[in-house]
Amino acid sequence: MLKSSELAICKTIDIDQSIQDIQLNWLSGDIRVLPSVDELIHVMQYADACFSKRRLLQVNIRGDTLSIVDGRKRRGLVGINIGRTALEIQLPARVFDRILLNSTGGQLRLNRLLATRCQCKITSGSVDLSGRMEELELSAVASVVKAQHLSADKLNLQSSSAKIDILGSFVTCKLTQQAED
């Protein structure tokens, strides 16, 4: 659970369907992915009093794919984002086929993530990651990446103006860094 007296739960969704793939597309704010205490996927959005209810998260389930999109990304809601928000996702302790995370200006905390394939793209934010994946692709631009207790058969790391601190076990590792101008 998020610890902030300034933010209150404003939307919760409990998913009991068979989900294999998760897609998250989020703007700024804290994002925490934690193990669930049961077999459900729990999605909770927190916000302060200034956050517009029209900008709450959108959830879509197609087949076995769960898509979570920041409500601030919807058309017609262009402008200054006033108010703070945070997202918490609790996942059952099982291996997901594919997890795709995309964030601009967010602070991701991914604890004990289990996936066959995980792709994480972050711009101007931070990610703190632990877990086990067969294939992990991290793309960080002007961001901070920290990982401990991380295990992957294949790690592909692309970075530009990013601070990287990763501890873990990897069978193969590919690092691509963009030079700063």
N, C-alpha and C. Protein backbone atom coordinates (compact mmCIF):
# COMPACT_ATOMS: atom_id res chain seq x y z
N MET A 1 0.85 -1.19 0.00
CA MET A 1 0.00 0.00 0.00
C MET A 1 0.89 1.24 0.00
N LEU A 2 0.45 2.24 -0.73
CA LEU A 2 1.19 3.50 -0.76
C LEU A 2 1.04 4.23 0.56
N LYS A 3 2.11 4.82 1.03
CA LYS A 3 2.11 5.53 2.31
C LYS A 3 2.15 7.02 2.07
N SER A 4 1.02 7.64 1.93
CA SER A 4 1.00 9.09 1.77
C SER A 4 -0.31 9.62 2.33
N SER A 5 -0.20 10.50 3.28
CA SER A 5 -1.41 11.06 3.88
C SER A 5 -2.09 12.04 2.95
N GLU A 6 -1.37 12.50 1.91
CA GLU A 6 -1.93 13.47 0.98
C GLU A 6 -2.74 12.82 -0.13
N LEU A 7 -2.56 11.51 -0.36
CA LEU A 7 -3.25 10.81 -1.43
C LEU A 7 -4.27 9.84 -0.86
N ALA A 8 -5.41 9.76 -1.51
CA ALA A 8 -6.47 8.85 -1.09
C ALA A 8 -6.84 7.94 -2.26
N ILE A 9 -7.31 6.74 -1.96
CA ILE A 9 -7.75 5.84 -3.02
C ILE A 9 -8.95 6.46 -3.72
N CYS A 10 -8.87 6.55 -5.06
CA CYS A 10 -10.00 7.11 -5.79
C CYS A 10 -10.55 6.13 -6.83
N LYS A 11 -9.82 5.04 -7.11
CA LYS A 11 -10.35 4.03 -8.02
C LYS A 11 -9.67 2.70 -7.73
N THR A 12 -10.47 1.64 -7.60
CA THR A 12 -9.93 0.30 -7.39
C THR A 12 -10.62 -0.66 -8.36
N ILE A 13 -9.84 -1.61 -8.85
CA ILE A 13 -10.37 -2.64 -9.74
C ILE A 13 -9.73 -3.95 -9.33
N ASP A 14 -10.55 -4.98 -9.13
CA ASP A 14 -10.07 -6.32 -8.83
C ASP A 14 -10.38 -7.21 -10.03
N ILE A 15 -9.37 -7.89 -10.55
CA ILE A 15 -9.52 -8.67 -11.77
C ILE A 15 -9.32 -10.14 -11.44
N ASP A 16 -10.35 -10.95 -11.74
CA ASP A 16 -10.26 -12.38 -11.45
C ASP A 16 -10.18 -13.20 -12.74
N GLN A 17 -10.03 -12.54 -13.88
CA GLN A 17 -9.92 -13.23 -15.16
C GLN A 17 -8.51 -13.78 -15.35
N SER A 18 -8.38 -14.74 -16.27
CA SER A 18 -7.08 -15.32 -16.57
C SER A 18 -6.29 -14.35 -17.45
N ILE A 19 -5.34 -13.65 -16.86
CA ILE A 19 -4.52 -12.66 -17.56
C ILE A 19 -3.11 -13.22 -17.72
N GLN A 20 -2.58 -13.15 -18.95
CA GLN A 20 -1.21 -13.59 -19.23
C GLN A 20 -0.28 -12.43 -19.57
N ASP A 21 -0.86 -11.38 -20.19
CA ASP A 21 -0.07 -10.22 -20.62
C ASP A 21 -0.58 -8.97 -19.93
N ILE A 22 0.35 -8.09 -19.54
CA ILE A 22 -0.01 -6.83 -18.90
C ILE A 22 0.70 -5.70 -19.63
N GLN A 23 -0.07 -4.67 -19.98
CA GLN A 23 0.49 -3.48 -20.62
C GLN A 23 0.13 -2.28 -19.74
N LEU A 24 1.14 -1.48 -19.40
CA LEU A 24 0.93 -0.28 -18.60
C LEU A 24 1.54 0.90 -19.32
N ASN A 25 0.75 1.94 -19.53
CA ASN A 25 1.21 3.17 -20.16
C ASN A 25 0.83 4.31 -19.21
N TRP A 26 1.84 4.91 -18.57
CA TRP A 26 1.58 5.84 -17.47
C TRP A 26 2.46 7.07 -17.56
N LEU A 27 1.89 8.19 -17.16
CA LEU A 27 2.66 9.44 -17.08
C LEU A 27 3.32 9.52 -15.71
N SER A 28 3.51 10.71 -15.23
CA SER A 28 4.22 10.94 -13.97
C SER A 28 3.46 10.41 -12.76
N GLY A 29 4.24 10.19 -11.70
CA GLY A 29 3.67 9.71 -10.44
C GLY A 29 4.29 8.39 -10.04
N ASP A 30 4.07 8.00 -8.80
CA ASP A 30 4.59 6.72 -8.31
C ASP A 30 3.80 5.57 -8.91
N ILE A 31 4.52 4.53 -9.29
CA ILE A 31 3.92 3.30 -9.79
C ILE A 31 4.57 2.17 -9.03
N ARG A 32 3.77 1.39 -8.32
CA ARG A 32 4.30 0.27 -7.56
C ARG A 32 3.62 -1.00 -8.04
N VAL A 33 4.45 -1.99 -8.39
CA VAL A 33 3.95 -3.31 -8.75
C VAL A 33 4.47 -4.26 -7.68
N LEU A 34 3.53 -4.85 -6.95
CA LEU A 34 3.85 -5.67 -5.78
C LEU A 34 3.18 -7.03 -5.88
N PRO A 35 3.67 -8.01 -5.14
CA PRO A 35 2.98 -9.30 -5.10
C PRO A 35 1.62 -9.17 -4.40
N SER A 36 0.65 -9.89 -4.90
CA SER A 36 -0.69 -9.91 -4.31
C SER A 36 -0.73 -10.97 -3.21
N VAL A 37 -1.64 -10.81 -2.27
CA VAL A 37 -1.81 -11.80 -1.22
C VAL A 37 -2.76 -12.90 -1.64
N ASP A 38 -3.38 -12.75 -2.82
CA ASP A 38 -4.30 -13.76 -3.32
C ASP A 38 -4.07 -13.96 -4.82
N GLU A 39 -4.99 -14.60 -5.51
CA GLU A 39 -4.83 -14.89 -6.94
C GLU A 39 -5.45 -13.83 -7.83
N LEU A 40 -5.91 -12.74 -7.26
CA LEU A 40 -6.50 -11.65 -8.05
C LEU A 40 -5.44 -10.62 -8.41
N ILE A 41 -5.72 -9.88 -9.49
CA ILE A 41 -4.92 -8.71 -9.82
C ILE A 41 -5.67 -7.52 -9.24
N HIS A 42 -5.01 -6.73 -8.43
CA HIS A 42 -5.63 -5.56 -7.80
C HIS A 42 -4.96 -4.30 -8.37
N VAL A 43 -5.80 -3.38 -8.87
CA VAL A 43 -5.31 -2.12 -9.42
C VAL A 43 -5.92 -1.00 -8.59
N MET A 44 -5.08 -0.13 -8.04
CA MET A 44 -5.55 0.96 -7.20
C MET A 44 -4.90 2.27 -7.62
N GLN A 45 -5.74 3.27 -7.84
CA GLN A 45 -5.20 4.59 -8.14
C GLN A 45 -5.47 5.50 -6.96
N TYR A 46 -4.43 6.21 -6.58
CA TYR A 46 -4.51 7.18 -5.49
C TYR A 46 -4.37 8.56 -6.11
N ALA A 47 -4.98 9.57 -5.49
CA ALA A 47 -4.84 10.93 -5.99
C ALA A 47 -5.10 11.92 -4.86
N ASP A 48 -4.62 13.15 -5.08
CA ASP A 48 -4.91 14.20 -4.11
C ASP A 48 -6.23 14.88 -4.49
N ALA A 49 -6.64 15.83 -3.70
CA ALA A 49 -7.94 16.48 -3.89
C ALA A 49 -8.01 17.30 -5.17
N CYS A 50 -6.87 17.71 -5.72
CA CYS A 50 -6.84 18.53 -6.94
C CYS A 50 -6.91 17.71 -8.22
N PHE A 51 -6.77 16.39 -8.11
CA PHE A 51 -6.73 15.54 -9.31
C PHE A 51 -8.14 15.36 -9.87
N SER A 52 -8.29 15.62 -11.16
CA SER A 52 -9.59 15.53 -11.82
C SER A 52 -10.05 14.07 -11.95
N LYS A 53 -11.27 13.78 -11.56
CA LYS A 53 -11.83 12.43 -11.66
C LYS A 53 -11.97 12.01 -13.13
N ARG A 54 -12.01 12.96 -14.04
CA ARG A 54 -12.10 12.65 -15.48
C ARG A 54 -10.79 12.05 -15.98
N ARG A 55 -9.72 12.18 -15.21
CA ARG A 55 -8.40 11.73 -15.64
C ARG A 55 -7.97 10.44 -14.95
N LEU A 56 -8.92 9.72 -14.37
CA LEU A 56 -8.57 8.46 -13.71
C LEU A 56 -8.19 7.40 -14.75
N LEU A 57 -7.49 6.38 -14.28
CA LEU A 57 -6.99 5.33 -15.16
C LEU A 57 -8.10 4.66 -15.96
N GLN A 58 -7.72 4.10 -17.09
CA GLN A 58 -8.62 3.34 -17.94
C GLN A 58 -8.09 1.91 -18.02
N VAL A 59 -8.97 0.93 -17.84
CA VAL A 59 -8.60 -0.48 -17.89
C VAL A 59 -9.35 -1.13 -19.04
N ASN A 60 -8.62 -1.94 -19.81
CA ASN A 60 -9.23 -2.68 -20.91
C ASN A 60 -8.70 -4.11 -20.86
N ILE A 61 -9.60 -5.08 -21.00
CA ILE A 61 -9.20 -6.48 -21.05
C ILE A 61 -9.66 -7.04 -22.38
N ARG A 62 -8.68 -7.54 -23.15
CA ARG A 62 -8.97 -8.20 -24.43
C ARG A 62 -8.32 -9.56 -24.39
N GLY A 63 -9.14 -10.58 -24.41
CA GLY A 63 -8.61 -11.93 -24.30
C GLY A 63 -7.90 -12.10 -22.98
N ASP A 64 -6.61 -12.43 -23.04
CA ASP A 64 -5.83 -12.60 -21.81
C ASP A 64 -4.86 -11.45 -21.57
N THR A 65 -5.16 -10.27 -22.19
CA THR A 65 -4.30 -9.09 -22.04
C THR A 65 -5.00 -7.99 -21.25
N LEU A 66 -4.34 -7.54 -20.20
CA LEU A 66 -4.82 -6.44 -19.38
C LEU A 66 -4.05 -5.19 -19.78
N SER A 67 -4.76 -4.14 -20.15
CA SER A 67 -4.15 -2.86 -20.51
C SER A 67 -4.60 -1.80 -19.52
N ILE A 68 -3.63 -1.09 -18.94
CA ILE A 68 -3.90 -0.01 -18.00
C ILE A 68 -3.28 1.26 -18.57
N VAL A 69 -4.11 2.27 -18.78
CA VAL A 69 -3.65 3.51 -19.40
C VAL A 69 -3.97 4.67 -18.47
N ASP A 70 -3.01 5.56 -18.31
CA ASP A 70 -3.21 6.77 -17.53
C ASP A 70 -4.31 7.60 -18.18
N GLY A 71 -5.32 7.98 -17.43
CA GLY A 71 -6.43 8.77 -17.95
C GLY A 71 -6.02 10.14 -18.45
N ARG A 72 -4.86 10.61 -18.05
CA ARG A 72 -4.37 11.90 -18.53
C ARG A 72 -3.89 11.82 -19.97
N LYS A 73 -3.81 10.62 -20.54
CA LYS A 73 -3.35 10.45 -21.92
C LYS A 73 -4.51 10.49 -22.91
N ARG A 74 -5.74 10.52 -22.44
CA ARG A 74 -6.89 10.52 -23.34
C ARG A 74 -6.95 11.79 -24.15
N ARG A 75 -7.48 11.67 -25.36
CA ARG A 75 -7.67 12.84 -26.23
C ARG A 75 -8.65 13.81 -25.57
N GLY A 76 -8.43 15.06 -25.85
CA GLY A 76 -9.32 16.08 -25.32
C GLY A 76 -8.95 16.54 -23.92
N LEU A 77 -7.96 15.87 -23.32
CA LEU A 77 -7.53 16.25 -21.97
C LEU A 77 -6.11 16.81 -21.99
N VAL A 78 -5.77 17.43 -23.10
CA VAL A 78 -4.44 18.02 -23.23
C VAL A 78 -4.37 19.28 -22.39
N GLY A 79 -3.24 19.50 -21.76
CA GLY A 79 -3.08 20.70 -20.94
C GLY A 79 -2.22 20.41 -19.74
N ILE A 80 -2.30 21.27 -18.80
CA ILE A 80 -1.51 21.13 -17.58
C ILE A 80 -2.18 20.10 -16.68
N ASN A 81 -1.38 19.16 -16.19
CA ASN A 81 -1.90 18.15 -15.28
C ASN A 81 -1.75 18.65 -13.85
N ILE A 82 -2.88 19.04 -13.28
CA ILE A 82 -2.88 19.54 -11.91
C ILE A 82 -3.30 18.41 -10.99
N GLY A 83 -2.62 18.30 -9.89
CA GLY A 83 -2.93 17.25 -8.93
C GLY A 83 -1.96 16.09 -9.07
N ARG A 84 -1.72 15.42 -7.95
CA ARG A 84 -0.81 14.27 -7.92
C ARG A 84 -1.59 12.98 -7.93
N THR A 85 -0.98 11.96 -8.52
CA THR A 85 -1.60 10.65 -8.53
C THR A 85 -0.54 9.58 -8.39
N ALA A 86 -0.94 8.40 -7.99
CA ALA A 86 -0.05 7.25 -7.85
C ALA A 86 -0.85 6.00 -8.19
N LEU A 87 -0.13 4.98 -8.64
CA LEU A 87 -0.76 3.73 -9.05
C LEU A 87 -0.12 2.57 -8.31
N GLU A 88 -0.93 1.64 -7.86
CA GLU A 88 -0.43 0.41 -7.25
C GLU A 88 -1.11 -0.76 -7.93
N ILE A 89 -0.29 -1.72 -8.36
CA ILE A 89 -0.79 -2.94 -8.98
C ILE A 89 -0.26 -4.11 -8.18
N GLN A 90 -1.15 -4.98 -7.74
CA GLN A 90 -0.75 -6.18 -7.01
C GLN A 90 -1.00 -7.38 -7.91
N LEU A 91 0.07 -8.15 -8.15
CA LEU A 91 0.00 -9.29 -9.06
C LEU A 91 0.16 -10.60 -8.30
N PRO A 92 -0.61 -11.64 -8.70
CA PRO A 92 -0.44 -12.96 -8.08
C PRO A 92 0.99 -13.47 -8.30
N ALA A 93 1.45 -14.31 -7.41
CA ALA A 93 2.82 -14.84 -7.48
C ALA A 93 2.87 -15.97 -8.50
N ARG A 94 2.81 -15.60 -9.78
CA ARG A 94 2.94 -16.56 -10.87
C ARG A 94 3.64 -15.86 -12.03
N VAL A 95 4.10 -16.62 -12.99
CA VAL A 95 4.84 -16.06 -14.11
C VAL A 95 3.85 -15.59 -15.18
N PHE A 96 3.96 -14.31 -15.56
CA PHE A 96 3.15 -13.76 -16.64
C PHE A 96 3.94 -13.93 -17.94
N ASP A 97 3.22 -14.08 -19.06
CA ASP A 97 3.90 -14.26 -20.35
C ASP A 97 4.66 -13.00 -20.75
N ARG A 98 3.98 -11.84 -20.67
CA ARG A 98 4.59 -10.61 -21.15
C ARG A 98 4.11 -9.44 -20.29
N ILE A 99 5.05 -8.61 -19.88
CA ILE A 99 4.73 -7.39 -19.15
C ILE A 99 5.41 -6.23 -19.86
N LEU A 100 4.61 -5.26 -20.30
CA LEU A 100 5.13 -4.08 -21.00
C LEU A 100 4.82 -2.85 -20.16
N LEU A 101 5.85 -2.09 -19.81
CA LEU A 101 5.68 -0.90 -18.98
C LEU A 101 6.29 0.30 -19.71
N ASN A 102 5.53 1.37 -19.81
CA ASN A 102 5.99 2.58 -20.48
C ASN A 102 5.62 3.76 -19.59
N SER A 103 6.63 4.56 -19.21
CA SER A 103 6.36 5.68 -18.32
C SER A 103 7.24 6.87 -18.68
N THR A 104 6.66 8.05 -18.58
CA THR A 104 7.38 9.30 -18.77
C THR A 104 7.26 10.10 -17.48
N GLY A 105 8.37 10.31 -16.82
CA GLY A 105 8.35 11.09 -15.59
C GLY A 105 7.84 10.34 -14.39
N GLY A 106 7.74 9.03 -14.48
CA GLY A 106 7.23 8.23 -13.37
C GLY A 106 8.34 7.63 -12.52
N GLN A 107 7.97 7.20 -11.34
CA GLN A 107 8.88 6.51 -10.44
C GLN A 107 8.32 5.10 -10.26
N LEU A 108 8.91 4.13 -10.97
CA LEU A 108 8.44 2.75 -10.95
C LEU A 108 9.16 1.95 -9.88
N ARG A 109 8.41 1.21 -9.12
CA ARG A 109 8.96 0.25 -8.15
C ARG A 109 8.32 -1.09 -8.47
N LEU A 110 9.13 -1.99 -9.01
CA LEU A 110 8.65 -3.29 -9.45
C LEU A 110 9.28 -4.35 -8.57
N ASN A 111 8.51 -4.86 -7.61
CA ASN A 111 9.03 -5.79 -6.61
C ASN A 111 8.66 -7.23 -6.94
N ARG A 112 9.66 -8.08 -7.03
CA ARG A 112 9.51 -9.51 -7.24
C ARG A 112 8.65 -9.84 -8.46
N LEU A 113 8.93 -9.15 -9.56
CA LEU A 113 8.21 -9.34 -10.81
C LEU A 113 8.59 -10.68 -11.42
N LEU A 114 7.59 -11.44 -11.91
CA LEU A 114 7.82 -12.73 -12.55
C LEU A 114 7.22 -12.69 -13.94
N ALA A 115 8.07 -12.86 -14.97
CA ALA A 115 7.56 -12.80 -16.34
C ALA A 115 8.49 -13.56 -17.28
N THR A 116 7.89 -14.11 -18.34
CA THR A 116 8.69 -14.70 -19.39
C THR A 116 9.43 -13.58 -20.12
N ARG A 117 8.69 -12.53 -20.48
CA ARG A 117 9.29 -11.39 -21.18
C ARG A 117 8.81 -10.10 -20.52
N CYS A 118 9.75 -9.23 -20.19
CA CYS A 118 9.41 -7.94 -19.60
C CYS A 118 10.12 -6.85 -20.39
N GLN A 119 9.34 -5.85 -20.76
CA GLN A 119 9.89 -4.69 -21.48
C GLN A 119 9.51 -3.45 -20.70
N CYS A 120 10.53 -2.66 -20.35
CA CYS A 120 10.31 -1.46 -19.54
C CYS A 120 10.97 -0.28 -20.23
N LYS A 121 10.15 0.71 -20.62
CA LYS A 121 10.66 1.93 -21.24
C LYS A 121 10.35 3.10 -20.32
N ILE A 122 11.40 3.81 -19.92
CA ILE A 122 11.20 4.93 -19.00
C ILE A 122 11.99 6.13 -19.49
N THR A 123 11.32 7.29 -19.45
CA THR A 123 11.93 8.55 -19.85
C THR A 123 11.77 9.55 -18.71
N SER A 124 12.87 10.17 -18.32
CA SER A 124 12.86 11.20 -17.27
C SER A 124 12.19 10.71 -15.99
N GLY A 125 12.55 9.53 -15.57
CA GLY A 125 11.98 8.98 -14.35
C GLY A 125 12.97 8.05 -13.68
N SER A 126 12.44 7.10 -12.93
CA SER A 126 13.29 6.12 -12.27
C SER A 126 12.57 4.79 -12.21
N VAL A 127 13.37 3.73 -12.13
CA VAL A 127 12.83 2.39 -11.96
C VAL A 127 13.70 1.64 -10.96
N ASP A 128 13.04 0.96 -10.04
CA ASP A 128 13.68 0.12 -9.04
C ASP A 128 13.06 -1.27 -9.23
N LEU A 129 13.87 -2.25 -9.62
CA LEU A 129 13.36 -3.51 -10.12
C LEU A 129 13.97 -4.70 -9.41
N SER A 130 13.14 -5.72 -9.14
CA SER A 130 13.62 -7.02 -8.67
C SER A 130 12.68 -8.08 -9.23
N GLY A 131 13.21 -9.28 -9.42
CA GLY A 131 12.37 -10.36 -9.91
C GLY A 131 13.12 -11.30 -10.82
N ARG A 132 12.34 -12.14 -11.53
CA ARG A 132 12.89 -13.16 -12.43
C ARG A 132 12.17 -13.09 -13.76
N MET A 133 12.95 -12.98 -14.84
CA MET A 133 12.41 -12.95 -16.20
C MET A 133 13.30 -13.81 -17.09
N GLU A 134 12.73 -14.40 -18.12
CA GLU A 134 13.56 -15.06 -19.12
C GLU A 134 14.24 -13.99 -19.97
N GLU A 135 13.47 -12.99 -20.39
CA GLU A 135 14.00 -11.92 -21.22
C GLU A 135 13.58 -10.57 -20.65
N LEU A 136 14.55 -9.71 -20.42
CA LEU A 136 14.29 -8.38 -19.87
C LEU A 136 14.90 -7.33 -20.79
N GLU A 137 14.06 -6.42 -21.25
CA GLU A 137 14.52 -5.31 -22.08
C GLU A 137 14.22 -4.01 -21.33
N LEU A 138 15.30 -3.28 -20.99
CA LEU A 138 15.16 -2.00 -20.30
C LEU A 138 15.65 -0.90 -21.22
N SER A 139 14.83 0.14 -21.37
CA SER A 139 15.21 1.31 -22.14
C SER A 139 15.03 2.52 -21.24
N ALA A 140 16.15 3.23 -20.97
CA ALA A 140 16.11 4.37 -20.05
C ALA A 140 16.73 5.60 -20.68
N VAL A 141 15.96 6.69 -20.71
CA VAL A 141 16.44 7.97 -21.22
C VAL A 141 16.33 9.00 -20.10
N ALA A 142 17.45 9.63 -19.77
CA ALA A 142 17.48 10.64 -18.70
C ALA A 142 16.79 10.12 -17.44
N SER A 143 17.15 8.91 -17.04
CA SER A 143 16.48 8.23 -15.93
C SER A 143 17.50 7.56 -15.01
N VAL A 144 16.99 7.04 -13.91
CA VAL A 144 17.79 6.29 -12.97
C VAL A 144 17.23 4.87 -12.91
N VAL A 145 18.10 3.87 -13.12
CA VAL A 145 17.69 2.47 -13.08
C VAL A 145 18.47 1.78 -11.97
N LYS A 146 17.74 1.19 -11.02
CA LYS A 146 18.36 0.42 -9.94
C LYS A 146 17.69 -0.94 -9.92
N ALA A 147 18.51 -1.97 -9.76
CA ALA A 147 17.96 -3.33 -9.67
C ALA A 147 18.79 -4.14 -8.69
N GLN A 148 18.11 -4.89 -7.86
CA GLN A 148 18.74 -5.84 -6.94
C GLN A 148 17.92 -7.11 -6.98
N HIS A 149 18.57 -8.23 -6.71
CA HIS A 149 17.88 -9.51 -6.72
C HIS A 149 17.15 -9.72 -8.04
N LEU A 150 17.84 -9.40 -9.13
CA LEU A 150 17.28 -9.50 -10.46
C LEU A 150 17.92 -10.67 -11.18
N SER A 151 17.10 -11.47 -11.86
CA SER A 151 17.60 -12.61 -12.60
C SER A 151 16.92 -12.66 -13.96
N ALA A 152 17.74 -12.81 -15.01
CA ALA A 152 17.20 -12.90 -16.36
C ALA A 152 18.13 -13.74 -17.22
N ASP A 153 17.56 -14.56 -18.09
CA ASP A 153 18.38 -15.31 -19.03
C ASP A 153 19.01 -14.36 -20.03
N LYS A 154 18.24 -13.36 -20.46
CA LYS A 154 18.72 -12.41 -21.46
C LYS A 154 18.37 -11.00 -21.01
N LEU A 155 19.37 -10.15 -20.87
CA LEU A 155 19.18 -8.74 -20.51
C LEU A 155 19.62 -7.88 -21.67
N ASN A 156 18.74 -7.00 -22.12
CA ASN A 156 19.05 -6.03 -23.16
C ASN A 156 18.79 -4.66 -22.56
N LEU A 157 19.86 -3.88 -22.37
CA LEU A 157 19.76 -2.58 -21.71
C LEU A 157 20.18 -1.49 -22.68
N GLN A 158 19.28 -0.55 -22.94
CA GLN A 158 19.57 0.61 -23.77
C GLN A 158 19.44 1.84 -22.89
N SER A 159 20.46 2.70 -22.94
CA SER A 159 20.40 3.88 -22.08
C SER A 159 20.98 5.10 -22.77
N SER A 160 20.46 6.24 -22.39
CA SER A 160 20.96 7.53 -22.84
C SER A 160 20.80 8.50 -21.68
N SER A 161 21.90 9.08 -21.24
CA SER A 161 21.89 10.01 -20.10
C SER A 161 21.21 9.39 -18.89
N ALA A 162 21.52 8.12 -18.63
CA ALA A 162 20.89 7.40 -17.54
C ALA A 162 21.94 6.89 -16.56
N LYS A 163 21.55 6.83 -15.29
CA LYS A 163 22.40 6.25 -14.26
C LYS A 163 21.89 4.82 -14.03
N ILE A 164 22.79 3.85 -14.18
CA ILE A 164 22.42 2.44 -14.10
C ILE A 164 23.17 1.77 -12.97
N ASP A 165 22.44 1.05 -12.10
CA ASP A 165 23.04 0.30 -11.00
C ASP A 165 22.26 -1.01 -10.89
N ILE A 166 22.82 -2.08 -11.47
CA ILE A 166 22.11 -3.36 -11.53
C ILE A 166 22.95 -4.46 -10.89
N LEU A 167 22.34 -5.20 -9.98
CA LEU A 167 22.95 -6.37 -9.37
C LEU A 167 22.04 -7.56 -9.66
N GLY A 168 22.63 -8.62 -10.20
CA GLY A 168 21.80 -9.78 -10.48
C GLY A 168 22.55 -10.84 -11.24
N SER A 169 21.79 -11.78 -11.75
CA SER A 169 22.33 -12.92 -12.48
C SER A 169 21.75 -12.91 -13.89
N PHE A 170 22.65 -12.94 -14.92
CA PHE A 170 22.22 -12.87 -16.31
C PHE A 170 23.04 -13.86 -17.13
N VAL A 171 22.36 -14.62 -18.00
CA VAL A 171 23.06 -15.55 -18.88
C VAL A 171 23.74 -14.76 -19.99
N THR A 172 22.98 -13.88 -20.66
CA THR A 172 23.56 -13.00 -21.68
C THR A 172 23.13 -11.57 -21.37
N CYS A 173 24.02 -10.63 -21.70
CA CYS A 173 23.74 -9.22 -21.41
C CYS A 173 24.23 -8.37 -22.58
N LYS A 174 23.35 -7.50 -23.07
CA LYS A 174 23.72 -6.57 -24.14
C LYS A 174 23.44 -5.16 -23.64
N LEU A 175 24.46 -4.30 -23.72
CA LEU A 175 24.34 -2.92 -23.27
C LEU A 175 24.57 -1.99 -24.44
N THR A 176 23.63 -1.08 -24.68
CA THR A 176 23.76 -0.07 -25.73
C THR A 176 23.60 1.28 -25.07
N GLN A 177 24.62 2.13 -25.16
CA GLN A 177 24.57 3.47 -24.58
C GLN A 177 24.67 4.50 -25.68
N GLN A 178 23.79 5.50 -25.63
CA GLN A 178 23.85 6.62 -26.54
C GLN A 178 24.81 7.64 -25.95
N ALA A 179 25.67 8.16 -26.76
CA ALA A 179 26.61 9.19 -26.28
C ALA A 179 25.89 10.50 -26.06
N GLU A 180 26.29 11.20 -24.99
CA GLU A 180 25.72 12.51 -24.71
C GLU A 180 26.39 13.54 -25.59
N ASP A 181 25.61 14.51 -26.11
CA ASP A 181 26.16 15.56 -26.96
C ASP A 181 26.80 16.64 -26.14
